[in-house]
């Protein structure tokens, strides 16, 4: 009986380790500062898109690169949240 109990315990620990390896630990929201001027300088001159992005003014470059990924937020709640993140 003791042997069966130990086998069950070993199987449970093994299953927990395997499930832990497959669990996603990525956060839902990632906030990171990006130096867009440096990113624009690093654009490849070898591609047509890289040449196009390199010649844009910085405001238009940011709008082009972050299209569909950027969310504008405002209000005192967001200001206090971001102050807490820093």
PDB file of N, CA and C in Angstrom:
ATOM      1  N   UNK A   1       0.817  -1.190   0.000  1.00  0.00           N
ATOM      2  CA  UNK A   1       0.000   0.000   0.000  1.00  0.00           C
ATOM      3  C   UNK A   1       0.870   1.266   0.000  1.00  0.00           C
ATOM      4  N   UNK A   2       1.950   1.214   0.786  1.00  0.00           N
ATOM      5  CA  UNK A   2       2.855   2.364   0.856  1.00  0.00           C
ATOM      6  C   UNK A   2       3.503   2.633  -0.498  1.00  0.00           C
ATOM      7  N   UNK A   3       3.816   1.601  -1.232  1.00  0.00           N
ATOM      8  CA  UNK A   3       4.447   1.763  -2.549  1.00  0.00           C
ATOM      9  C   UNK A   3       3.494   2.462  -3.514  1.00  0.00           C
ATOM     10  N   UNK A   4       2.230   2.099  -3.482  1.00  0.00           N
ATOM     11  CA  UNK A   4       1.243   2.725  -4.356  1.00  0.00           C
ATOM     12  C   UNK A   4       1.095   4.205  -4.007  1.00  0.00           C
ATOM     13  N   UNK A   5       1.080   4.517  -2.734  1.00  0.00           N
ATOM     14  CA  UNK A   5       0.969   5.906  -2.298  1.00  0.00           C
ATOM     15  C   UNK A   5       2.166   6.717  -2.786  1.00  0.00           C
ATOM     16  N   UNK A   6       3.346   6.165  -2.730  1.00  0.00           N
ATOM     17  CA  UNK A   6       4.545   6.876  -3.187  1.00  0.00           C
ATOM     18  C   UNK A   6       4.531   7.059  -4.712  1.00  0.00           C
ATOM     19  N   UNK A   7       4.043   6.059  -5.440  1.00  0.00           N
ATOM     20  CA  UNK A   7       3.940   6.188  -6.896  1.00  0.00           C
ATOM     21  C   UNK A   7       2.949   7.295  -7.282  1.00  0.00           C
ATOM     22  N   UNK A   8       1.845   7.367  -6.560  1.00  0.00           N
ATOM     23  CA  UNK A   8       0.844   8.407  -6.815  1.00  0.00           C
ATOM     24  C   UNK A   8       1.432   9.786  -6.507  1.00  0.00           C
ATOM     25  N   UNK A   9       2.174   9.898  -5.410  1.00  0.00           N
ATOM     26  CA  UNK A   9       2.813  11.154  -5.060  1.00  0.00           C
ATOM     27  C   UNK A   9       3.834  11.560  -6.125  1.00  0.00           C
ATOM     28  N   UNK A  10       4.636  10.623  -6.594  1.00  0.00           N
ATOM     29  CA  UNK A  10       5.621  10.896  -7.639  1.00  0.00           C
ATOM     30  C   UNK A  10       4.932  11.333  -8.938  1.00  0.00           C
ATOM     31  N   UNK A  11       3.844  10.690  -9.299  1.00  0.00           N
ATOM     32  CA  UNK A  11       3.105  11.054 -10.502  1.00  0.00           C
ATOM     33  C   UNK A  11       2.510  12.454 -10.365  1.00  0.00           C
ATOM     34  N   UNK A  12       1.985  12.796  -9.202  1.00  0.00           N
ATOM     35  CA  UNK A  12       1.397  14.116  -8.981  1.00  0.00           C
ATOM     36  C   UNK A  12       2.467  15.209  -9.061  1.00  0.00           C
ATOM     37  N   UNK A  13       3.622  14.982  -8.471  1.00  0.00           N
ATOM     38  CA  UNK A  13       4.706  15.970  -8.528  1.00  0.00           C
ATOM     39  C   UNK A  13       5.198  16.125  -9.961  1.00  0.00           C
ATOM     40  N   UNK A  14       5.341  15.029 -10.689  1.00  0.00           N
ATOM     41  CA  UNK A  14       5.775  15.084 -12.086  1.00  0.00           C
ATOM     42  C   UNK A  14       4.759  15.847 -12.934  1.00  0.00           C
ATOM     43  N   UNK A  15       3.481  15.580 -12.743  1.00  0.00           N
ATOM     44  CA  UNK A  15       2.443  16.286 -13.493  1.00  0.00           C
ATOM     45  C   UNK A  15       2.460  17.783 -13.167  1.00  0.00           C
ATOM     46  N   UNK A  16       2.691  18.131 -11.906  1.00  0.00           N
ATOM     47  CA  UNK A  16       2.741  19.540 -11.517  1.00  0.00           C
ATOM     48  C   UNK A  16       3.927  20.250 -12.174  1.00  0.00           C
ATOM     49  N   UNK A  17       5.064  19.584 -12.241  1.00  0.00           N
ATOM     50  CA  UNK A  17       6.239  20.182 -12.887  1.00  0.00           C
ATOM     51  C   UNK A  17       5.990  20.365 -14.375  1.00  0.00           C
ATOM     52  N   UNK A  18       5.413  19.373 -15.031  1.00  0.00           N
ATOM     53  CA  UNK A  18       5.135  19.461 -16.468  1.00  0.00           C
ATOM     54  C   UNK A  18       4.128  20.570 -16.754  1.00  0.00           C
ATOM     55  N   UNK A  19       3.063  20.658 -15.978  1.00  0.00           N
ATOM     56  CA  UNK A  19       2.081  21.730 -16.164  1.00  0.00           C
ATOM     57  C   UNK A  19       2.684  23.098 -15.867  1.00  0.00           C
ATOM     58  N   UNK A  20       3.589  23.178 -14.912  1.00  0.00           N
ATOM     59  CA  UNK A  20       4.267  24.438 -14.613  1.00  0.00           C
ATOM     60  C   UNK A  20       5.131  24.918 -15.759  1.00  0.00           C
ATOM     61  N   UNK A  21       5.731  23.990 -16.500  1.00  0.00           N
ATOM     62  CA  UNK A  21       6.559  24.360 -17.644  1.00  0.00           C
ATOM     63  C   UNK A  21       5.719  24.897 -18.804  1.00  0.00           C
ATOM     64  N   UNK A  22       4.491  24.444 -18.939  1.00  0.00           N
ATOM     65  CA  UNK A  22       3.628  24.873 -20.027  1.00  0.00           C
ATOM     66  C   UNK A  22       2.811  26.123 -19.698  1.00  0.00           C
ATOM     67  N   UNK A  23       2.789  26.541 -18.436  1.00  0.00           N
ATOM     68  CA  UNK A  23       1.998  27.705 -18.032  1.00  0.00           C
ATOM     69  C   UNK A  23       2.638  28.982 -18.577  1.00  0.00           C
ATOM     70  N   UNK A  24       1.819  29.868 -19.080  1.00  0.00           N
ATOM     71  CA  UNK A  24       2.299  31.141 -19.590  1.00  0.00           C
ATOM     72  C   UNK A  24       2.491  32.108 -18.435  1.00  0.00           C
ATOM     73  N   UNK A  25       3.669  32.690 -18.341  1.00  0.00           N
ATOM     74  CA  UNK A  25       3.961  33.637 -17.282  1.00  0.00           C
ATOM     75  C   UNK A  25       4.094  35.059 -17.816  1.00  0.00           C
ATOM     76  N   UNK A  26       3.633  35.283 -19.055  1.00  0.00           N
ATOM     77  CA  UNK A  26       3.701  36.611 -19.646  1.00  0.00           C
ATOM     78  C   UNK A  26       2.619  37.497 -19.035  1.00  0.00           C
ATOM     79  N   UNK A  27       2.955  38.747 -18.774  1.00  0.00           N
ATOM     80  CA  UNK A  27       1.938  39.649 -18.209  1.00  0.00           C
ATOM     81  C   UNK A  27       0.925  40.053 -19.271  1.00  0.00           C
ATOM     82  N   UNK A  28      -0.218  40.532 -18.812  1.00  0.00           N
ATOM     83  CA  UNK A  28      -1.254  40.994 -19.724  1.00  0.00           C
ATOM     84  C   UNK A  28      -0.897  42.331 -20.345  1.00  0.00           C
ATOM     85  N   UNK A  29      -0.149  43.149 -19.629  1.00  0.00           N
ATOM     86  CA  UNK A  29       0.176  44.490 -20.079  1.00  0.00           C
ATOM     87  C   UNK A  29       1.654  44.732 -19.825  1.00  0.00           C
ATOM     88  N   UNK A  30       2.352  45.174 -20.853  1.00  0.00           N
ATOM     89  CA  UNK A  30       3.764  45.494 -20.710  1.00  0.00           C
ATOM     90  C   UNK A  30       3.955  46.968 -21.030  1.00  0.00           C
ATOM     91  N   UNK A  31       4.547  47.673 -20.096  1.00  0.00           N
ATOM     92  CA  UNK A  31       4.841  49.087 -20.297  1.00  0.00           C
ATOM     93  C   UNK A  31       6.346  49.237 -20.292  1.00  0.00           C
ATOM     94  N   UNK A  32       6.880  49.714 -21.406  1.00  0.00           N
ATOM     95  CA  UNK A  32       8.319  49.939 -21.468  1.00  0.00           C
ATOM     96  C   UNK A  32       8.601  51.197 -22.283  1.00  0.00           C
ATOM     97  N   UNK A  33       9.551  51.988 -21.826  1.00  0.00           N
ATOM     98  CA  UNK A  33       9.896  53.201 -22.577  1.00  0.00           C
ATOM     99  C   UNK A  33      10.725  52.834 -23.804  1.00  0.00           C
ATOM    100  N   UNK A  34      10.463  53.530 -24.897  1.00  0.00           N
ATOM    101  CA  UNK A  34      11.181  53.282 -26.145  1.00  0.00           C
ATOM    102  C   UNK A  34      11.704  54.615 -26.657  1.00  0.00           C
ATOM    103  N   UNK A  35      12.984  54.651 -26.993  1.00  0.00           N
ATOM    104  CA  UNK A  35      13.584  55.851 -27.584  1.00  0.00           C
ATOM    105  C   UNK A  35      13.340  55.773 -29.085  1.00  0.00           C
ATOM    106  N   UNK A  36      12.269  56.421 -29.532  1.00  0.00           N
ATOM    107  CA  UNK A  36      11.870  56.316 -30.939  1.00  0.00           C
ATOM    108  C   UNK A  36      12.860  57.012 -31.868  1.00  0.00           C
ATOM    109  N   UNK A  37      13.538  58.062 -31.404  1.00  0.00           N
ATOM    110  CA  UNK A  37      14.536  58.729 -32.247  1.00  0.00           C
ATOM    111  C   UNK A  37      15.694  57.772 -32.542  1.00  0.00           C
ATOM    112  N   UNK A  38      16.124  57.008 -31.549  1.00  0.00           N
ATOM    113  CA  UNK A  38      17.188  56.033 -31.768  1.00  0.00           C
ATOM    114  C   UNK A  38      16.702  54.887 -32.657  1.00  0.00           C
ATOM    115  N   UNK A  39      15.453  54.495 -32.467  1.00  0.00           N
ATOM    116  CA  UNK A  39      14.890  53.440 -33.319  1.00  0.00           C
ATOM    117  C   UNK A  39      14.845  53.887 -34.782  1.00  0.00           C
ATOM    118  N   UNK A  40      14.500  55.140 -34.999  1.00  0.00           N
ATOM    119  CA  UNK A  40      14.422  55.644 -36.364  1.00  0.00           C
ATOM    120  C   UNK A  40      15.817  55.682 -37.004  1.00  0.00           C
ATOM    121  N   UNK A  41      16.839  56.031 -36.222  1.00  0.00           N
ATOM    122  CA  UNK A  41      18.213  56.047 -36.747  1.00  0.00           C
ATOM    123  C   UNK A  41      18.687  54.645 -37.119  1.00  0.00           C
ATOM    124  N   UNK A  42      18.150  53.640 -36.436  1.00  0.00           N
ATOM    125  CA  UNK A  42      18.558  52.256 -36.692  1.00  0.00           C
ATOM    126  C   UNK A  42      17.793  51.601 -37.835  1.00  0.00           C
ATOM    127  N   UNK A  43      16.870  52.312 -38.461  1.00  0.00           N
ATOM    128  CA  UNK A  43      16.112  51.730 -39.577  1.00  0.00           C
ATOM    129  C   UNK A  43      17.065  51.354 -40.714  1.00  0.00           C
ATOM    130  N   UNK A  44      16.805  50.227 -41.309  1.00  0.00           N
ATOM    131  CA  UNK A  44      17.657  49.719 -42.375  1.00  0.00           C
ATOM    132  C   UNK A  44      17.503  50.542 -43.653  1.00  0.00           C
ATOM    133  N   UNK A  45      18.627  50.938 -44.232  1.00  0.00           N
ATOM    134  CA  UNK A  45      18.603  51.675 -45.499  1.00  0.00           C
ATOM    135  C   UNK A  45      18.567  50.717 -46.684  1.00  0.00           C
ATOM    136  N   UNK A  46      18.576  49.421 -46.411  1.00  0.00           N
ATOM    137  CA  UNK A  46      18.615  48.415 -47.478  1.00  0.00           C
ATOM    138  C   UNK A  46      17.237  48.093 -48.039  1.00  0.00           C
ATOM    139  N   UNK A  47      16.197  48.404 -47.277  1.00  0.00           N
ATOM    140  CA  UNK A  47      14.852  48.097 -47.750  1.00  0.00           C
ATOM    141  C   UNK A  47      14.111  49.380 -48.096  1.00  0.00           C
ATOM    142  N   UNK A  48      13.115  49.243 -48.937  1.00  0.00           N
ATOM    143  CA  UNK A  48      12.320  50.399 -49.326  1.00  0.00           C
ATOM    144  C   UNK A  48      11.561  50.966 -48.138  1.00  0.00           C
ATOM    145  N   UNK A  49      11.004  50.079 -47.318  1.00  0.00           N
ATOM    146  CA  UNK A  49      10.280  50.542 -46.128  1.00  0.00           C
ATOM    147  C   UNK A  49      11.230  51.222 -45.148  1.00  0.00           C
ATOM    148  N   UNK A  50      12.427  50.687 -44.968  1.00  0.00           N
ATOM    149  CA  UNK A  50      13.401  51.304 -44.074  1.00  0.00           C
ATOM    150  C   UNK A  50      13.801  52.693 -44.530  1.00  0.00           C
ATOM    151  N   UNK A  51      13.980  52.865 -45.824  1.00  0.00           N
ATOM    152  CA  UNK A  51      14.306  54.185 -46.362  1.00  0.00           C
ATOM    153  C   UNK A  51      13.143  55.152 -46.148  1.00  0.00           C
ATOM    154  N   UNK A  52      11.926  54.659 -46.367  1.00  0.00           N
ATOM    155  CA  UNK A  52      10.734  55.491 -46.174  1.00  0.00           C
ATOM    156  C   UNK A  52      10.623  55.934 -44.714  1.00  0.00           C
ATOM    157  N   UNK A  53      10.796  54.983 -43.775  1.00  0.00           N
ATOM    158  CA  UNK A  53      10.664  55.313 -42.354  1.00  0.00           C
ATOM    159  C   UNK A  53      11.784  56.236 -41.886  1.00  0.00           C
ATOM    160  N   UNK A  54      12.974  56.084 -42.427  1.00  0.00           N
ATOM    161  CA  UNK A  54      14.108  56.909 -42.004  1.00  0.00           C
ATOM    162  C   UNK A  54      13.936  58.365 -42.411  1.00  0.00           C
ATOM    163  N   UNK A  55      13.247  58.635 -43.504  1.00  0.00           N
ATOM    164  CA  UNK A  55      13.111  60.011 -43.964  1.00  0.00           C
ATOM    165  C   UNK A  55      11.919  60.748 -43.360  1.00  0.00           C
ATOM    166  N   UNK A  56      11.050  60.039 -42.635  1.00  0.00           N
ATOM    167  CA  UNK A  56       9.874  60.680 -42.028  1.00  0.00           C
ATOM    168  C   UNK A  56      10.262  61.571 -40.851  1.00  0.00           C
ATOM    169  N   UNK A  57       9.490  62.640 -40.598  1.00  0.00           N
ATOM    170  CA  UNK A  57       9.670  63.383 -39.335  1.00  0.00           C
ATOM    171  C   UNK A  57       9.328  62.464 -38.160  1.00  0.00           C
ATOM    172  N   UNK A  58       9.869  62.765 -36.994  1.00  0.00           N
ATOM    173  CA  UNK A  58       9.731  61.869 -35.843  1.00  0.00           C
ATOM    174  C   UNK A  58       8.270  61.598 -35.482  1.00  0.00           C
ATOM    175  N   UNK A  59       7.408  62.611 -35.500  1.00  0.00           N
ATOM    176  CA  UNK A  59       5.990  62.406 -35.146  1.00  0.00           C
ATOM    177  C   UNK A  59       5.311  61.441 -36.120  1.00  0.00           C
ATOM    178  N   UNK A  60       5.582  61.602 -37.399  1.00  0.00           N
ATOM    179  CA  UNK A  60       4.983  60.708 -38.396  1.00  0.00           C
ATOM    180  C   UNK A  60       5.583  59.306 -38.314  1.00  0.00           C
ATOM    181  N   UNK A  61       6.865  59.226 -37.982  1.00  0.00           N
ATOM    182  CA  UNK A  61       7.512  57.909 -37.808  1.00  0.00           C
ATOM    183  C   UNK A  61       6.845  57.138 -36.672  1.00  0.00           C
ATOM    184  N   UNK A  62       6.618  57.824 -35.551  1.00  0.00           N
ATOM    185  CA  UNK A  62       5.977  57.176 -34.397  1.00  0.00           C
ATOM    186  C   UNK A  62       4.572  56.714 -34.762  1.00  0.00           C
ATOM    187  N   UNK A  63       3.817  57.558 -35.468  1.00  0.00           N
ATOM    188  CA  UNK A  63       2.454  57.188 -35.873  1.00  0.00           C
ATOM    189  C   UNK A  63       2.475  55.986 -36.810  1.00  0.00           C
ATOM    190  N   UNK A  64       3.435  55.931 -37.717  1.00  0.00           N
ATOM    191  CA  UNK A  64       3.523  54.831 -38.683  1.00  0.00           C
ATOM    192  C   UNK A  64       3.917  53.516 -38.012  1.00  0.00           C
ATOM    193  N   UNK A  65       4.895  53.578 -37.131  1.00  0.00           N
ATOM    194  CA  UNK A  65       5.410  52.353 -36.504  1.00  0.00           C
ATOM    195  C   UNK A  65       4.429  51.788 -35.486  1.00  0.00           C
ATOM    196  N   UNK A  66       3.735  52.652 -34.759  1.00  0.00           N
ATOM    197  CA  UNK A  66       2.841  52.185 -33.692  1.00  0.00           C
ATOM    198  C   UNK A  66       1.394  52.073 -34.134  1.00  0.00           C
ATOM    199  N   UNK A  67       1.135  52.122 -35.418  1.00  0.00           N
ATOM    200  CA  UNK A  67      -0.240  52.033 -35.916  1.00  0.00           C
ATOM    201  C   UNK A  67      -0.879  50.716 -35.453  1.00  0.00           C
ATOM    202  N   UNK A  68      -2.003  50.833 -34.769  1.00  0.00           N
ATOM    203  CA  UNK A  68      -2.734  49.662 -34.303  1.00  0.00           C
ATOM    204  C   UNK A  68      -2.227  49.089 -32.992  1.00  0.00           C
ATOM    205  N   UNK A  69      -1.136  49.618 -32.434  1.00  0.00           N
ATOM    206  CA  UNK A  69      -0.576  49.091 -31.198  1.00  0.00           C
ATOM    207  C   UNK A  69      -0.652  50.081 -30.044  1.00  0.00           C
ATOM    208  N   UNK A  70      -0.896  51.320 -30.354  1.00  0.00           N
ATOM    209  CA  UNK A  70      -0.842  52.380 -29.358  1.00  0.00           C
ATOM    210  C   UNK A  70      -2.241  52.720 -28.879  1.00  0.00           C
ATOM    211  N   UNK A  71      -2.369  52.895 -27.579  1.00  0.00           N
ATOM    212  CA  UNK A  71      -3.650  53.259 -26.985  1.00  0.00           C
ATOM    213  C   UNK A  71      -3.445  54.559 -26.215  1.00  0.00           C
ATOM    214  N   UNK A  72      -4.175  55.588 -26.587  1.00  0.00           N
ATOM    215  CA  UNK A  72      -4.093  56.882 -25.895  1.00  0.00           C
ATOM    216  C   UNK A  72      -4.957  56.820 -24.637  1.00  0.00           C
ATOM    217  N   UNK A  73      -4.381  57.217 -23.509  1.00  0.00           N
ATOM    218  CA  UNK A  73      -5.119  57.259 -22.248  1.00  0.00           C
ATOM    219  C   UNK A  73      -4.941  58.633 -21.631  1.00  0.00           C
ATOM    220  N   UNK A  74      -5.919  59.041 -20.837  1.00  0.00           N
ATOM    221  CA  UNK A  74      -5.822  60.335 -20.164  1.00  0.00           C
ATOM    222  C   UNK A  74      -6.631  60.279 -18.879  1.00  0.00           C
ATOM    223  N   UNK A  75      -6.459  61.278 -18.079  1.00  0.00           N
ATOM    224  CA  UNK A  75      -7.218  61.373 -16.839  1.00  0.00           C
ATOM    225  C   UNK A  75      -6.331  61.208 -15.626  1.00  0.00           C
ATOM    226  N   UNK A  76      -6.829  61.617 -14.480  1.00  0.00           N
ATOM    227  CA  UNK A  76      -6.022  61.560 -13.254  1.00  0.00           C
ATOM    228  C   UNK A  76      -5.744  60.135 -12.775  1.00  0.00           C
ATOM    229  N   UNK A  77      -6.637  59.201 -13.069  1.00  0.00           N
ATOM    230  CA  UNK A  77      -6.408  57.824 -12.647  1.00  0.00           C
ATOM    231  C   UNK A  77      -5.182  57.247 -13.336  1.00  0.00           C
ATOM    232  N   UNK A  78      -5.036  57.521 -14.635  1.00  0.00           N
ATOM    233  CA  UNK A  78      -3.876  57.001 -15.370  1.00  0.00           C
ATOM    234  C   UNK A  78      -2.604  57.685 -14.924  1.00  0.00           C
ATOM    235  N   UNK A  79      -2.673  58.971 -14.619  1.00  0.00           N
ATOM    236  CA  UNK A  79      -1.484  59.681 -14.165  1.00  0.00           C
ATOM    237  C   UNK A  79      -0.982  59.106 -12.838  1.00  0.00           C
ATOM    238  N   UNK A  80      -1.890  58.804 -11.937  1.00  0.00           N
ATOM    239  CA  UNK A  80      -1.477  58.213 -10.652  1.00  0.00           C
ATOM    240  C   UNK A  80      -0.984  56.781 -10.840  1.00  0.00           C
ATOM    241  N   UNK A  81      -1.593  56.053 -11.766  1.00  0.00           N
ATOM    242  CA  UNK A  81      -1.145  54.686 -12.039  1.00  0.00           C
ATOM    243  C   UNK A  81       0.285  54.685 -12.574  1.00  0.00           C
ATOM    244  N   UNK A  82       0.553  55.549 -13.563  1.00  0.00           N
ATOM    245  CA  UNK A  82       1.884  55.591 -14.155  1.00  0.00           C
ATOM    246  C   UNK A  82       2.921  56.122 -13.165  1.00  0.00           C
ATOM    247  N   UNK A  83       2.520  57.028 -12.296  1.00  0.00           N
ATOM    248  CA  UNK A  83       3.450  57.496 -11.260  1.00  0.00           C
ATOM    249  C   UNK A  83       3.808  56.349 -10.326  1.00  0.00           C
ATOM    250  N   UNK A  84       2.849  55.481 -10.028  1.00  0.00           N
ATOM    251  CA  UNK A  84       3.116  54.309  -9.186  1.00  0.00           C
ATOM    252  C   UNK A  84       3.989  53.282  -9.881  1.00  0.00           C
ATOM    253  N   UNK A  85       3.872  53.176 -11.201  1.00  0.00           N
ATOM    254  CA  UNK A  85       4.684  52.216 -11.953  1.00  0.00           C
ATOM    255  C   UNK A  85       6.146  52.625 -11.939  1.00  0.00           C
ATOM    256  N   UNK A  86       6.381  53.928 -12.080  1.00  0.00           N
ATOM    257  CA  UNK A  86       7.760  54.430 -12.058  1.00  0.00           C
ATOM    258  C   UNK A  86       8.392  54.152 -10.729  1.00  0.00           C
TER     259      UNK A  86
END
